[in-house]
Amino acid sequence: MKNRSIIYIDGFNLYYCAVKNTPWKWLDMERYFSLLLPDDDIQIIKYFTAKILDSHKANQKAYIKALLTLNKVQII
């Protein structure tokens, strides 16, 4: 029996600690965590963020729109 898991992500920490200044800005959360935790039954991925107000606003909006196409991702 697989472990049931809920994943919580701090969007700003993810970006500034792992993604910024890399070519991997478009992370597919469902695929990433299914590969990272193959023995878990991921119930939902909660992505916490705040709207940014600088010149990258359009990039964030596009990324959130892309995340919303994933069934298990919830934007908080």
Protein backbone atom coordinates (compact mmCIF):
# COMPACT_ATOMS: atom_id res chain seq x y z
CA MET A 1 0.00 0.00 0.00
CA LYS A 2 1.34 3.41 -0.98
CA ASN A 3 1.72 6.27 1.48
CA ARG A 4 -0.78 9.06 0.87
CA SER A 5 1.07 12.37 0.61
CA ILE A 6 0.21 16.05 0.41
CA ILE A 7 3.02 18.27 -0.85
CA TYR A 8 3.41 21.90 0.22
CA ILE A 9 5.62 24.23 -1.82
CA ASP A 10 6.73 27.77 -1.02
CA GLY A 11 6.90 29.23 -4.52
CA PHE A 12 9.34 32.02 -3.72
CA ASN A 13 11.80 29.71 -1.93
CA LEU A 14 11.58 27.23 -4.78
CA TYR A 15 12.31 29.96 -7.31
CA TYR A 16 15.08 31.82 -5.49
CA CYS A 17 16.83 28.73 -4.05
CA ALA A 18 16.50 26.19 -6.85
CA VAL A 19 15.30 27.67 -10.14
CA LYS A 20 16.57 31.24 -10.58
CA ASN A 21 19.56 31.53 -12.92
CA THR A 22 19.04 27.99 -14.24
CA PRO A 23 17.48 26.81 -17.50
CA TRP A 24 14.84 24.84 -15.53
CA LYS A 25 12.18 27.43 -14.83
CA TRP A 26 9.16 25.42 -16.00
CA LEU A 27 8.95 22.63 -13.45
CA ASP A 28 6.14 20.09 -13.94
CA MET A 29 5.27 19.61 -10.27
CA GLU A 30 3.24 16.43 -10.74
CA ARG A 31 5.92 14.69 -12.76
CA TYR A 32 8.75 15.89 -10.53
CA PHE A 33 7.18 14.65 -7.31
CA SER A 34 5.96 11.38 -8.83
CA LEU A 35 9.59 10.68 -9.81
CA LEU A 36 10.93 11.88 -6.47
CA LEU A 37 8.39 9.88 -4.43
CA PRO A 38 7.53 6.82 -6.55
CA ASP A 39 6.16 4.87 -3.57
CA ASP A 40 3.73 7.62 -2.55
CA ASP A 41 0.18 8.29 -3.68
CA ILE A 42 0.29 12.06 -4.09
CA GLN A 43 -3.11 13.46 -3.18
CA ILE A 44 -2.51 17.14 -3.89
CA ILE A 45 0.33 19.61 -4.39
CA LYS A 46 -0.29 22.96 -2.70
CA TYR A 47 1.77 25.74 -4.27
CA PHE A 48 1.93 28.85 -2.09
CA THR A 49 2.85 32.15 -3.72
CA ALA A 50 2.10 35.85 -3.79
CA LYS A 51 1.65 37.98 -6.87
CA ILE A 52 4.80 39.80 -7.89
CA LEU A 53 4.65 43.39 -9.03
CA ASP A 54 7.86 43.86 -11.00
CA SER A 55 8.77 43.23 -14.63
CA HIS A 56 8.47 39.44 -14.17
CA LYS A 57 4.75 39.64 -13.44
CA ALA A 58 3.81 38.21 -16.86
CA ASN A 59 6.19 35.26 -16.38
CA GLN A 60 4.63 34.39 -13.04
CA LYS A 61 1.14 34.67 -14.49
CA ALA A 62 2.07 32.32 -17.35
CA TYR A 63 3.63 29.80 -14.95
CA ILE A 64 0.59 29.81 -12.67
CA LYS A 65 -1.66 29.34 -15.69
CA ALA A 66 0.46 26.34 -16.72
CA LEU A 67 0.38 24.88 -13.20
CA LEU A 68 -3.41 25.12 -13.17
CA THR A 69 -3.53 22.66 -16.07
CA LEU A 70 -2.19 19.98 -13.72
CA ASN A 71 -4.89 18.02 -11.90
CA LYS A 72 -3.15 17.76 -8.54
CA VAL A 73 -1.78 21.30 -8.22
CA GLN A 74 -3.65 23.87 -6.16
CA ILE A 75 -2.46 27.50 -6.12
CA ILE A 76 -2.77 29.16 -2.71
